[in-house]
N, C-alpha and C. Protein backbone atom coordinates (compact mmCIF):
# COMPACT_ATOMS: atom_id res chain seq x y z
N UNK A 1 -119.14 214.94 187.00
CA UNK A 1 -117.95 214.13 186.70
C UNK A 1 -116.66 214.91 186.96
N UNK A 2 -116.67 216.17 186.58
CA UNK A 2 -115.48 217.02 186.81
C UNK A 2 -115.22 217.16 188.30
N UNK A 3 -116.29 217.30 189.09
CA UNK A 3 -116.12 217.43 190.54
C UNK A 3 -115.53 216.15 191.14
N UNK A 4 -115.94 214.99 190.62
CA UNK A 4 -115.39 213.71 191.09
C UNK A 4 -113.88 213.64 190.85
N UNK A 5 -113.44 214.04 189.66
CA UNK A 5 -112.00 214.02 189.34
C UNK A 5 -111.24 214.99 190.24
N UNK A 6 -111.81 216.12 190.57
CA UNK A 6 -111.14 217.08 191.45
C UNK A 6 -110.93 216.47 192.83
N UNK A 7 -111.99 215.75 193.34
CA UNK A 7 -111.86 215.11 194.66
C UNK A 7 -110.79 214.04 194.63
N UNK A 8 -110.76 213.20 193.55
CA UNK A 8 -109.76 212.13 193.46
C UNK A 8 -108.35 212.68 193.40
N UNK A 9 -108.13 213.72 192.59
CA UNK A 9 -106.79 214.33 192.47
C UNK A 9 -106.38 214.95 193.80
N UNK A 10 -107.32 215.57 194.49
CA UNK A 10 -107.00 216.16 195.79
C UNK A 10 -106.56 215.12 196.80
N UNK A 11 -107.23 213.93 196.80
CA UNK A 11 -106.85 212.86 197.71
C UNK A 11 -105.45 212.33 197.40
N UNK A 12 -105.17 212.19 196.09
CA UNK A 12 -103.83 211.71 195.69
C UNK A 12 -102.75 212.69 196.12
N UNK A 13 -102.98 213.98 195.96
CA UNK A 13 -101.99 214.96 196.39
C UNK A 13 -101.77 214.90 197.88
N UNK A 14 -102.86 214.71 198.67
CA UNK A 14 -102.72 214.63 200.11
C UNK A 14 -101.88 213.42 200.52
N UNK A 15 -102.19 212.26 199.89
CA UNK A 15 -101.46 211.04 200.23
C UNK A 15 -99.99 211.12 199.83
N UNK A 16 -99.66 211.89 198.83
CA UNK A 16 -98.26 212.02 198.42
C UNK A 16 -97.43 212.75 199.43
N UNK A 17 -98.08 213.41 200.40
CA UNK A 17 -97.35 214.14 201.44
C UNK A 17 -97.31 213.36 202.74
N UNK A 18 -97.53 212.05 202.67
CA UNK A 18 -97.59 211.24 203.87
C UNK A 18 -96.53 210.15 203.83
N UNK A 19 -95.89 209.94 204.96
CA UNK A 19 -94.96 208.83 205.11
C UNK A 19 -95.55 207.87 206.14
N UNK A 20 -95.59 206.59 205.81
CA UNK A 20 -96.13 205.60 206.72
C UNK A 20 -94.97 204.93 207.44
N UNK A 21 -95.01 204.91 208.74
CA UNK A 21 -93.95 204.23 209.46
C UNK A 21 -94.48 203.01 210.17
N UNK A 22 -93.57 202.26 210.81
CA UNK A 22 -93.89 200.96 211.36
C UNK A 22 -94.94 201.03 212.46
N UNK A 23 -94.97 202.08 213.24
CA UNK A 23 -95.90 202.20 214.36
C UNK A 23 -97.25 202.77 213.94
N UNK A 24 -97.50 202.83 212.62
CA UNK A 24 -98.77 203.28 212.09
C UNK A 24 -99.07 204.74 212.42
N UNK A 25 -98.03 205.54 212.50
CA UNK A 25 -98.19 206.98 212.63
C UNK A 25 -97.86 207.61 211.28
N UNK A 26 -98.40 208.77 211.05
CA UNK A 26 -98.18 209.43 209.76
C UNK A 26 -97.39 210.72 209.95
N UNK A 27 -96.46 210.91 209.06
CA UNK A 27 -95.66 212.14 209.09
C UNK A 27 -96.07 213.01 207.90
N UNK A 28 -96.71 214.14 208.18
CA UNK A 28 -97.18 215.00 207.10
C UNK A 28 -96.02 215.76 206.47
N UNK A 29 -96.09 215.98 205.17
CA UNK A 29 -95.04 216.66 204.44
C UNK A 29 -95.64 217.87 203.73
N UNK A 30 -95.89 218.95 204.43
CA UNK A 30 -96.51 220.09 203.77
C UNK A 30 -95.57 220.83 202.83
N UNK A 31 -94.27 220.67 202.98
CA UNK A 31 -93.32 221.32 202.09
C UNK A 31 -92.02 220.52 202.03
N UNK A 32 -91.12 220.91 201.15
CA UNK A 32 -89.90 220.13 200.99
C UNK A 32 -89.00 220.18 202.21
N UNK A 33 -89.02 221.28 202.95
CA UNK A 33 -88.19 221.40 204.14
C UNK A 33 -88.58 220.34 205.16
N UNK A 34 -89.88 220.17 205.38
CA UNK A 34 -90.34 219.16 206.33
C UNK A 34 -90.03 217.78 205.81
N UNK A 35 -90.15 217.57 204.52
CA UNK A 35 -89.83 216.27 203.90
C UNK A 35 -88.39 215.91 204.17
N UNK A 36 -87.48 216.86 204.00
CA UNK A 36 -86.07 216.57 204.22
C UNK A 36 -85.79 216.21 205.67
N UNK A 37 -86.42 216.96 206.62
CA UNK A 37 -86.20 216.66 208.03
C UNK A 37 -86.75 215.30 208.40
N UNK A 38 -87.92 215.00 207.86
CA UNK A 38 -88.55 213.70 208.15
C UNK A 38 -87.71 212.56 207.62
N UNK A 39 -87.23 212.65 206.38
CA UNK A 39 -86.39 211.61 205.79
C UNK A 39 -85.10 211.46 206.57
N UNK A 40 -84.51 212.57 206.98
CA UNK A 40 -83.26 212.53 207.71
C UNK A 40 -83.43 211.77 209.02
N UNK A 41 -84.52 212.06 209.73
CA UNK A 41 -84.76 211.40 211.02
C UNK A 41 -84.97 209.93 210.84
N UNK A 42 -85.77 209.54 209.82
CA UNK A 42 -86.05 208.13 209.61
C UNK A 42 -84.79 207.38 209.20
N UNK A 43 -83.98 207.97 208.34
CA UNK A 43 -82.76 207.29 207.88
C UNK A 43 -81.77 207.12 209.02
N UNK A 44 -81.69 208.10 209.92
CA UNK A 44 -80.70 208.03 210.98
C UNK A 44 -81.13 207.18 212.16
N UNK A 45 -82.45 207.04 212.44
CA UNK A 45 -82.92 206.35 213.63
C UNK A 45 -83.46 204.97 213.32
N UNK A 46 -83.30 204.51 212.09
CA UNK A 46 -83.90 203.25 211.69
C UNK A 46 -82.83 202.30 211.13
N UNK A 47 -82.92 201.04 211.58
CA UNK A 47 -82.04 200.02 211.03
C UNK A 47 -82.73 198.67 211.15
N UNK A 48 -82.42 197.82 210.20
CA UNK A 48 -82.97 196.46 210.25
C UNK A 48 -81.90 195.46 209.86
N UNK A 49 -82.06 194.25 210.36
CA UNK A 49 -81.12 193.18 210.05
C UNK A 49 -81.91 191.88 210.14
N UNK A 50 -81.37 190.85 209.52
CA UNK A 50 -82.05 189.55 209.54
C UNK A 50 -81.09 188.39 209.42
N UNK A 51 -81.50 187.26 209.96
CA UNK A 51 -80.71 186.04 209.86
C UNK A 51 -81.64 184.86 209.57
N UNK A 52 -81.08 183.85 208.98
CA UNK A 52 -81.82 182.61 208.75
C UNK A 52 -81.44 181.59 209.81
N UNK A 53 -82.45 181.01 210.45
CA UNK A 53 -82.15 180.02 211.48
C UNK A 53 -81.54 178.77 210.85
N UNK A 54 -80.42 178.35 211.40
CA UNK A 54 -79.72 177.19 210.87
C UNK A 54 -80.43 175.89 211.24
N UNK A 55 -80.24 174.90 210.39
CA UNK A 55 -80.83 173.60 210.67
C UNK A 55 -80.11 172.93 211.85
N UNK A 56 -80.88 172.25 212.68
CA UNK A 56 -80.33 171.46 213.79
C UNK A 56 -80.58 169.99 213.49
N UNK A 57 -79.99 169.14 214.28
CA UNK A 57 -80.20 167.71 214.09
C UNK A 57 -81.68 167.36 214.27
N UNK A 58 -82.33 168.03 215.22
CA UNK A 58 -83.73 167.77 215.46
C UNK A 58 -84.62 168.20 214.30
N UNK A 59 -84.32 169.40 213.74
CA UNK A 59 -85.14 169.89 212.64
C UNK A 59 -84.92 169.07 211.37
N UNK A 60 -83.67 168.60 211.15
CA UNK A 60 -83.40 167.76 209.99
C UNK A 60 -84.11 166.40 210.12
N UNK A 61 -84.11 165.85 211.34
CA UNK A 61 -84.82 164.60 211.57
C UNK A 61 -86.32 164.78 211.34
N UNK A 62 -86.85 165.92 211.77
CA UNK A 62 -88.26 166.20 211.57
C UNK A 62 -88.62 166.31 210.08
N UNK A 63 -87.71 166.91 209.31
CA UNK A 63 -87.93 167.01 207.87
C UNK A 63 -88.02 165.62 207.23
N UNK A 64 -87.11 164.72 207.66
CA UNK A 64 -87.10 163.37 207.11
C UNK A 64 -88.40 162.66 207.46
N UNK A 65 -88.86 162.82 208.69
CA UNK A 65 -90.11 162.17 209.11
C UNK A 65 -91.30 162.71 208.32
N UNK A 66 -91.31 164.00 208.08
CA UNK A 66 -92.41 164.59 207.31
C UNK A 66 -92.42 164.07 205.88
N UNK A 67 -91.23 163.96 205.25
CA UNK A 67 -91.15 163.43 203.89
C UNK A 67 -91.63 161.98 203.84
N UNK A 68 -91.19 161.19 204.83
CA UNK A 68 -91.66 159.80 204.89
C UNK A 68 -93.16 159.72 205.08
N UNK A 69 -93.68 160.63 205.91
CA UNK A 69 -95.12 160.66 206.15
C UNK A 69 -95.90 161.03 204.89
N UNK A 70 -95.36 161.97 204.12
CA UNK A 70 -96.02 162.35 202.84
C UNK A 70 -96.02 161.18 201.87
N UNK A 71 -94.88 160.45 201.80
CA UNK A 71 -94.81 159.27 200.93
C UNK A 71 -95.84 158.23 201.35
N UNK A 72 -95.96 158.01 202.66
CA UNK A 72 -96.96 157.08 203.18
C UNK A 72 -98.37 157.54 202.83
N UNK A 73 -98.60 158.86 202.95
CA UNK A 73 -99.91 159.40 202.63
C UNK A 73 -100.27 159.19 201.17
N UNK A 74 -99.31 159.40 200.28
CA UNK A 74 -99.54 159.17 198.85
C UNK A 74 -99.88 157.69 198.60
N UNK A 75 -99.16 156.82 199.28
CA UNK A 75 -99.43 155.37 199.12
C UNK A 75 -100.84 155.03 199.58
N UNK A 76 -101.27 155.61 200.71
CA UNK A 76 -102.62 155.36 201.21
C UNK A 76 -103.68 155.90 200.26
N UNK A 77 -103.38 157.03 199.64
CA UNK A 77 -104.35 157.62 198.70
C UNK A 77 -104.61 156.68 197.53
N UNK A 78 -103.63 155.87 197.19
CA UNK A 78 -103.76 154.99 196.03
C UNK A 78 -104.51 153.69 196.36
N UNK A 79 -104.70 153.44 197.66
CA UNK A 79 -105.36 152.19 198.04
C UNK A 79 -106.88 152.26 197.92
N UNK A 80 -107.43 153.48 197.97
CA UNK A 80 -108.87 153.65 197.86
C UNK A 80 -109.56 153.45 199.21
N UNK A 81 -110.85 153.76 199.24
CA UNK A 81 -111.63 153.57 200.46
C UNK A 81 -111.29 154.58 201.54
N UNK A 82 -111.52 154.14 202.78
CA UNK A 82 -111.28 155.00 203.94
C UNK A 82 -109.80 155.39 204.06
N UNK A 83 -108.92 154.48 203.74
CA UNK A 83 -107.47 154.75 203.83
C UNK A 83 -107.05 155.88 202.90
N UNK A 84 -107.73 156.02 201.77
CA UNK A 84 -107.37 157.10 200.86
C UNK A 84 -107.70 158.46 201.49
N UNK A 85 -108.78 158.50 202.26
CA UNK A 85 -109.12 159.76 202.96
C UNK A 85 -108.06 160.07 203.99
N UNK A 86 -107.65 159.02 204.73
CA UNK A 86 -106.56 159.21 205.72
C UNK A 86 -105.30 159.71 205.02
N UNK A 87 -104.99 159.15 203.86
CA UNK A 87 -103.80 159.57 203.11
C UNK A 87 -103.89 161.02 202.67
N UNK A 88 -105.07 161.44 202.21
CA UNK A 88 -105.25 162.83 201.79
C UNK A 88 -105.03 163.79 202.96
N UNK A 89 -105.63 163.45 204.11
CA UNK A 89 -105.45 164.29 205.29
C UNK A 89 -103.99 164.35 205.71
N UNK A 90 -103.32 163.20 205.67
CA UNK A 90 -101.90 163.14 206.07
C UNK A 90 -101.04 164.01 205.15
N UNK A 91 -101.29 163.90 203.85
CA UNK A 91 -100.49 164.70 202.89
C UNK A 91 -100.75 166.19 203.08
N UNK A 92 -102.00 166.57 203.29
CA UNK A 92 -102.33 168.00 203.48
C UNK A 92 -101.69 168.56 204.74
N UNK A 93 -101.81 167.81 205.83
CA UNK A 93 -101.26 168.28 207.11
C UNK A 93 -99.74 168.39 207.05
N UNK A 94 -99.09 167.34 206.59
CA UNK A 94 -97.62 167.34 206.52
C UNK A 94 -97.11 168.33 205.47
N UNK A 95 -97.85 168.47 204.38
CA UNK A 95 -97.48 169.46 203.37
C UNK A 95 -97.57 170.88 203.89
N UNK A 96 -98.49 171.09 204.81
CA UNK A 96 -98.62 172.41 205.45
C UNK A 96 -97.47 172.64 206.44
N UNK A 97 -97.04 171.60 207.11
CA UNK A 97 -95.99 171.73 208.12
C UNK A 97 -94.61 171.92 207.53
N UNK A 98 -94.34 171.25 206.42
CA UNK A 98 -92.97 171.22 205.89
C UNK A 98 -92.38 172.60 205.64
N UNK A 99 -93.03 173.50 204.91
CA UNK A 99 -92.41 174.82 204.67
C UNK A 99 -92.29 175.66 205.94
N UNK A 100 -93.05 175.34 206.97
CA UNK A 100 -92.98 176.10 208.22
C UNK A 100 -91.71 175.82 209.01
N UNK A 101 -90.94 174.85 208.54
CA UNK A 101 -89.65 174.60 209.18
C UNK A 101 -88.59 175.60 208.73
N UNK A 102 -88.88 176.36 207.68
CA UNK A 102 -87.97 177.41 207.21
C UNK A 102 -88.27 178.69 207.99
N UNK A 103 -87.36 179.06 208.86
CA UNK A 103 -87.57 180.20 209.76
C UNK A 103 -86.47 181.23 209.60
N UNK A 104 -86.86 182.49 209.48
CA UNK A 104 -85.93 183.61 209.49
C UNK A 104 -86.32 184.54 210.64
N UNK A 105 -85.32 185.24 211.16
CA UNK A 105 -85.59 186.26 212.17
C UNK A 105 -85.18 187.62 211.61
N UNK A 106 -85.99 188.63 211.86
CA UNK A 106 -85.66 189.98 211.45
C UNK A 106 -85.76 190.89 212.65
N UNK A 107 -84.79 191.80 212.74
CA UNK A 107 -84.75 192.78 213.83
C UNK A 107 -84.98 194.16 213.23
N UNK A 108 -85.84 194.93 213.85
CA UNK A 108 -86.13 196.28 213.37
C UNK A 108 -85.97 197.24 214.53
N UNK A 109 -85.00 198.15 214.39
CA UNK A 109 -84.70 199.14 215.42
C UNK A 109 -85.21 200.52 214.98
N UNK A 110 -86.00 201.15 215.83
CA UNK A 110 -86.51 202.49 215.54
C UNK A 110 -86.42 203.34 216.81
N UNK A 111 -85.42 204.21 216.86
CA UNK A 111 -85.30 205.22 217.91
C UNK A 111 -85.52 204.66 219.32
N UNK A 112 -84.71 203.67 219.69
CA UNK A 112 -84.76 203.15 221.06
C UNK A 112 -85.67 201.96 221.25
N UNK A 113 -86.37 201.58 220.23
CA UNK A 113 -87.28 200.44 220.31
C UNK A 113 -86.83 199.36 219.32
N UNK A 114 -86.83 198.10 219.79
CA UNK A 114 -86.34 197.00 218.97
C UNK A 114 -87.37 195.90 218.88
N UNK A 115 -87.74 195.54 217.65
CA UNK A 115 -88.69 194.46 217.39
C UNK A 115 -87.95 193.22 216.92
N UNK A 116 -88.44 192.07 217.35
CA UNK A 116 -87.91 190.78 216.91
C UNK A 116 -89.05 190.05 216.21
N UNK A 117 -88.92 189.91 214.89
CA UNK A 117 -89.96 189.28 214.08
C UNK A 117 -89.52 187.89 213.62
N UNK A 118 -90.48 186.99 213.58
CA UNK A 118 -90.25 185.64 213.08
C UNK A 118 -90.96 185.51 211.74
N UNK A 119 -90.23 185.07 210.72
CA UNK A 119 -90.79 184.92 209.37
C UNK A 119 -90.76 183.44 209.02
N UNK A 120 -91.95 182.91 208.75
CA UNK A 120 -92.09 181.48 208.45
C UNK A 120 -92.29 181.30 206.97
N UNK A 121 -91.46 180.44 206.38
CA UNK A 121 -91.55 180.11 204.97
C UNK A 121 -91.49 181.34 204.08
N UNK A 122 -90.79 182.38 204.54
CA UNK A 122 -90.63 183.63 203.82
C UNK A 122 -91.95 184.27 203.42
N UNK A 123 -92.99 183.99 204.20
CA UNK A 123 -94.32 184.50 203.87
C UNK A 123 -95.05 185.07 205.07
N UNK A 124 -95.11 184.32 206.14
CA UNK A 124 -95.86 184.75 207.31
C UNK A 124 -94.95 185.37 208.34
N UNK A 125 -95.28 186.61 208.73
CA UNK A 125 -94.46 187.33 209.70
C UNK A 125 -95.23 187.54 211.01
N UNK A 126 -94.51 187.37 212.11
CA UNK A 126 -95.11 187.61 213.43
C UNK A 126 -94.09 188.27 214.33
N UNK A 127 -94.49 189.36 214.99
CA UNK A 127 -93.61 190.01 215.95
C UNK A 127 -93.63 189.22 217.23
N UNK A 128 -92.48 188.64 217.59
CA UNK A 128 -92.36 187.78 218.76
C UNK A 128 -92.12 188.58 220.04
N UNK A 129 -91.43 189.72 219.88
CA UNK A 129 -91.08 190.50 221.07
C UNK A 129 -90.75 191.92 220.66
N UNK A 130 -91.08 192.86 221.53
CA UNK A 130 -90.71 194.26 221.35
C UNK A 130 -90.18 194.79 222.67
N UNK A 131 -89.00 195.40 222.62
CA UNK A 131 -88.40 195.95 223.84
C UNK A 131 -88.04 197.42 223.63
N UNK A 132 -87.95 198.11 224.75
CA UNK A 132 -87.51 199.50 224.74
C UNK A 132 -86.20 199.58 225.52
N UNK A 133 -85.24 200.31 225.00
CA UNK A 133 -83.93 200.34 225.64
C UNK A 133 -83.92 201.12 226.96
N UNK A 134 -85.00 201.77 227.31
CA UNK A 134 -85.13 202.33 228.64
C UNK A 134 -85.19 201.22 229.70
N UNK A 135 -85.62 200.03 229.27
CA UNK A 135 -85.76 198.89 230.18
C UNK A 135 -84.56 197.94 230.13
N UNK A 136 -83.61 198.22 229.26
CA UNK A 136 -82.44 197.36 229.10
C UNK A 136 -81.40 197.64 230.16
N UNK A 137 -80.83 196.58 230.71
CA UNK A 137 -79.74 196.72 231.68
C UNK A 137 -78.39 196.67 230.99
N UNK A 138 -78.24 195.76 230.04
CA UNK A 138 -76.92 195.56 229.41
C UNK A 138 -77.10 194.91 228.05
N UNK A 139 -76.22 195.30 227.13
CA UNK A 139 -76.12 194.63 225.84
C UNK A 139 -74.65 194.39 225.55
N UNK A 140 -74.29 193.15 225.26
CA UNK A 140 -72.88 192.80 225.07
C UNK A 140 -72.78 191.54 224.21
N UNK A 141 -71.58 191.31 223.61
CA UNK A 141 -71.38 190.06 222.90
C UNK A 141 -71.62 188.86 223.81
N UNK A 142 -72.07 187.75 223.25
CA UNK A 142 -72.43 186.59 224.06
C UNK A 142 -71.26 186.05 224.87
N UNK A 143 -70.03 186.26 224.39
CA UNK A 143 -68.84 185.77 225.10
C UNK A 143 -68.17 186.85 225.96
N UNK A 144 -68.84 187.95 226.18
CA UNK A 144 -68.26 189.07 226.93
C UNK A 144 -68.26 188.79 228.44
N UNK A 145 -67.18 189.22 229.10
CA UNK A 145 -67.10 189.11 230.56
C UNK A 145 -68.06 190.07 231.25
N UNK A 146 -68.59 191.03 230.51
CA UNK A 146 -69.57 191.93 231.10
C UNK A 146 -70.83 191.20 231.53
N UNK A 147 -71.04 190.01 230.96
CA UNK A 147 -72.23 189.21 231.30
C UNK A 147 -71.99 188.23 232.43
N UNK A 148 -70.78 188.21 232.99
CA UNK A 148 -70.47 187.24 234.03
C UNK A 148 -71.39 187.37 235.24
N UNK A 149 -71.81 188.58 235.56
CA UNK A 149 -72.67 188.79 236.70
C UNK A 149 -74.07 188.23 236.54
N UNK A 150 -74.42 187.84 235.32
CA UNK A 150 -75.74 187.29 235.05
C UNK A 150 -75.72 185.78 234.82
N UNK A 151 -74.56 185.16 234.97
CA UNK A 151 -74.41 183.75 234.61
C UNK A 151 -75.28 182.83 235.47
N UNK A 152 -75.53 183.20 236.71
CA UNK A 152 -76.34 182.36 237.60
C UNK A 152 -77.75 182.91 237.83
N UNK A 153 -78.08 183.98 237.13
CA UNK A 153 -79.39 184.60 237.34
C UNK A 153 -80.49 183.77 236.66
N UNK A 154 -81.64 183.71 237.29
CA UNK A 154 -82.79 183.01 236.71
C UNK A 154 -83.51 183.96 235.75
N UNK A 155 -83.42 183.66 234.47
CA UNK A 155 -84.02 184.53 233.44
C UNK A 155 -84.69 183.70 232.38
N UNK A 156 -85.72 184.28 231.79
CA UNK A 156 -86.32 183.68 230.61
C UNK A 156 -85.40 183.95 229.42
N UNK A 157 -85.19 182.95 228.59
CA UNK A 157 -84.27 183.10 227.45
C UNK A 157 -85.04 183.15 226.14
N UNK A 158 -84.73 184.14 225.31
CA UNK A 158 -85.31 184.27 223.97
C UNK A 158 -84.16 184.24 222.95
N UNK A 159 -84.15 183.24 222.10
CA UNK A 159 -83.05 183.09 221.15
C UNK A 159 -83.56 183.42 219.74
N UNK A 160 -83.15 184.60 219.23
CA UNK A 160 -83.50 185.00 217.88
C UNK A 160 -82.27 185.04 216.98
N UNK A 161 -81.27 184.27 217.35
CA UNK A 161 -80.02 184.21 216.56
C UNK A 161 -80.13 183.10 215.53
N UNK A 162 -79.15 183.04 214.64
CA UNK A 162 -79.16 182.04 213.57
C UNK A 162 -78.77 180.66 214.09
N UNK A 163 -77.97 180.63 215.16
CA UNK A 163 -77.49 179.36 215.66
C UNK A 163 -76.30 178.81 214.89
N UNK A 164 -75.78 179.58 213.94
CA UNK A 164 -74.64 179.13 213.14
C UNK A 164 -73.38 179.10 213.99
N UNK A 165 -72.47 178.20 213.66
CA UNK A 165 -71.24 178.05 214.45
C UNK A 165 -70.35 179.28 214.36
N UNK A 166 -70.36 179.96 213.19
CA UNK A 166 -69.48 181.11 213.00
C UNK A 166 -70.19 182.44 213.33
N UNK A 167 -71.37 182.37 213.93
CA UNK A 167 -72.09 183.61 214.25
C UNK A 167 -71.51 184.27 215.50
N UNK A 168 -71.74 185.55 215.62
CA UNK A 168 -71.26 186.32 216.77
C UNK A 168 -72.44 187.08 217.38
N UNK A 169 -73.29 186.35 218.09
CA UNK A 169 -74.50 186.98 218.63
C UNK A 169 -74.22 187.91 219.79
N UNK A 170 -75.14 188.84 219.97
CA UNK A 170 -75.13 189.72 221.14
C UNK A 170 -76.23 189.28 222.09
N UNK A 171 -76.04 189.63 223.35
CA UNK A 171 -77.03 189.34 224.40
C UNK A 171 -77.58 190.64 224.95
N UNK A 172 -78.88 190.70 225.10
CA UNK A 172 -79.54 191.82 225.75
C UNK A 172 -80.16 191.34 227.04
N UNK A 173 -79.87 192.00 228.14
CA UNK A 173 -80.53 191.74 229.42
C UNK A 173 -81.55 192.85 229.63
N UNK A 174 -82.81 192.48 229.73
CA UNK A 174 -83.87 193.48 229.80
C UNK A 174 -84.89 193.10 230.88
N UNK A 175 -85.41 194.11 231.54
CA UNK A 175 -86.49 193.94 232.49
C UNK A 175 -87.79 194.35 231.82
N UNK A 176 -88.71 193.40 231.68
CA UNK A 176 -89.95 193.69 231.01
C UNK A 176 -91.09 192.93 231.70
N UNK A 177 -92.16 193.66 231.96
CA UNK A 177 -93.34 193.06 232.62
C UNK A 177 -92.95 192.38 233.93
N UNK A 178 -92.09 193.05 234.69
CA UNK A 178 -91.65 192.58 236.01
C UNK A 178 -90.87 191.26 235.96
N UNK A 179 -90.26 190.97 234.85
CA UNK A 179 -89.40 189.80 234.77
C UNK A 179 -88.19 190.11 233.92
N UNK A 180 -87.11 189.41 234.19
CA UNK A 180 -85.85 189.65 233.50
C UNK A 180 -85.70 188.64 232.37
N UNK A 181 -85.27 189.11 231.22
CA UNK A 181 -85.09 188.25 230.05
C UNK A 181 -83.69 188.37 229.49
N UNK A 182 -83.24 187.27 228.90
CA UNK A 182 -81.97 187.21 228.18
C UNK A 182 -82.29 186.97 226.71
N UNK A 183 -81.89 187.90 225.85
CA UNK A 183 -82.23 187.83 224.43
C UNK A 183 -80.96 187.69 223.62
N UNK A 184 -80.95 186.73 222.71
CA UNK A 184 -79.82 186.56 221.79
C UNK A 184 -80.26 186.99 220.39
N UNK A 185 -79.42 187.79 219.74
CA UNK A 185 -79.69 188.22 218.37
C UNK A 185 -78.40 188.65 217.70
N UNK A 186 -78.47 188.94 216.40
CA UNK A 186 -77.28 189.28 215.64
C UNK A 186 -77.49 190.59 214.90
N UNK A 187 -77.18 191.71 215.54
CA UNK A 187 -77.42 193.02 214.93
C UNK A 187 -76.44 193.32 213.82
N UNK A 188 -76.84 194.17 212.89
CA UNK A 188 -75.93 194.65 211.86
C UNK A 188 -75.04 195.75 212.47
N UNK A 189 -73.99 196.15 211.74
CA UNK A 189 -73.10 197.20 212.23
C UNK A 189 -73.86 198.51 212.40
N UNK A 190 -74.77 198.82 211.47
CA UNK A 190 -75.53 200.05 211.55
C UNK A 190 -76.43 200.04 212.76
N UNK A 191 -77.10 198.93 213.00
CA UNK A 191 -78.00 198.81 214.15
C UNK A 191 -77.22 198.94 215.46
N UNK A 192 -76.07 198.29 215.51
CA UNK A 192 -75.24 198.35 216.70
C UNK A 192 -74.81 199.79 216.99
N UNK A 193 -74.44 200.52 215.96
CA UNK A 193 -74.00 201.89 216.11
C UNK A 193 -75.16 202.78 216.61
N UNK A 194 -76.34 202.58 216.06
CA UNK A 194 -77.50 203.38 216.48
C UNK A 194 -77.87 203.10 217.93
N UNK A 195 -77.79 201.83 218.32
CA UNK A 195 -78.10 201.47 219.72
C UNK A 195 -77.07 202.08 220.66
N UNK A 196 -75.81 202.05 220.26
CA UNK A 196 -74.76 202.66 221.09
C UNK A 196 -74.98 204.15 221.24
N UNK A 197 -75.44 204.82 220.19
CA UNK A 197 -75.72 206.26 220.28
C UNK A 197 -76.89 206.52 221.22
N UNK A 198 -77.89 205.62 221.22
CA UNK A 198 -79.07 205.80 222.07
C UNK A 198 -78.77 205.47 223.52
N UNK A 199 -78.01 204.42 223.77
CA UNK A 199 -77.76 203.98 225.14
C UNK A 199 -76.29 203.61 225.32
N UNK A 200 -75.39 204.59 225.27
CA UNK A 200 -73.96 204.31 225.29
C UNK A 200 -73.47 203.62 226.57
N UNK A 201 -74.12 203.88 227.70
CA UNK A 201 -73.68 203.28 228.97
C UNK A 201 -74.18 201.84 229.13
N UNK A 202 -75.09 201.41 228.28
CA UNK A 202 -75.67 200.08 228.41
C UNK A 202 -75.07 199.10 227.41
N UNK A 203 -74.27 199.59 226.47
CA UNK A 203 -73.77 198.75 225.39
C UNK A 203 -72.26 198.62 225.46
N UNK A 204 -71.78 197.40 225.40
CA UNK A 204 -70.35 197.16 225.29
C UNK A 204 -70.12 196.23 224.11
N UNK A 205 -69.01 196.44 223.39
CA UNK A 205 -68.71 195.64 222.22
C UNK A 205 -67.54 194.69 222.44
N UNK A 206 -67.15 194.51 223.67
CA UNK A 206 -66.02 193.61 223.96
C UNK A 206 -66.32 192.76 225.20
C-alpha cells in the first residue's frame, strides 16, 4: 500500500511540472527558471478574441418558423395515433435545431498561427479554419485601400465576423492549399499587436 501511494504522489509531482498547450504539446518545467521562461513565452505569443454572430433577417425568420413548427408538433402530439408520433419527431428535431442558431466565433492566435473556431449554442466547438502567417499576403481593415488590388480577384470567402453594423472587421488574404482565400474577422487589440510583431510587412491598420 505504501508503494502505491509513492507511485501516485510521484505521478502528481510530474504532472505539476507540465503545461498543456493548444497543439497538444507539453512544456516540461523541471525548475522555476524554466517555468518563468515558459510562462513568458505563452503570455507574449498567445491571444484570443471572440464575437457573437448577429441575427439577420433570414435567421430571425428561421427562428419564427421553428417556433411555429414546435407549436404544430405539440398540437399533433395531443391528437393521438400516428400524428402524435409525427408531432414528437417534429418537436425533437426542431428543438435540436433551435439552439444551434446561436453562433459565436472565437479566434486563437499562437506564434504566427491563427485558428477560427465556431461555437454553437455555447457548447459545441469546431475549428473551421487554421492559417499560418507565412502563407498570408495581406491583412488590413475591410475598408482599407490596401485591398483595392484584390477587389476583382476570384477568391473563396470565409466570414468569421459578427456582421454587426458598428463592427470594424479586418480582412486576411491568404494562399492555402493552392487557392486564395479572403477571411473576415475581428481581432482584439492584443491579437492585432502580436500579428504586427510577427508579420509587420503584411499588416496595415489603415
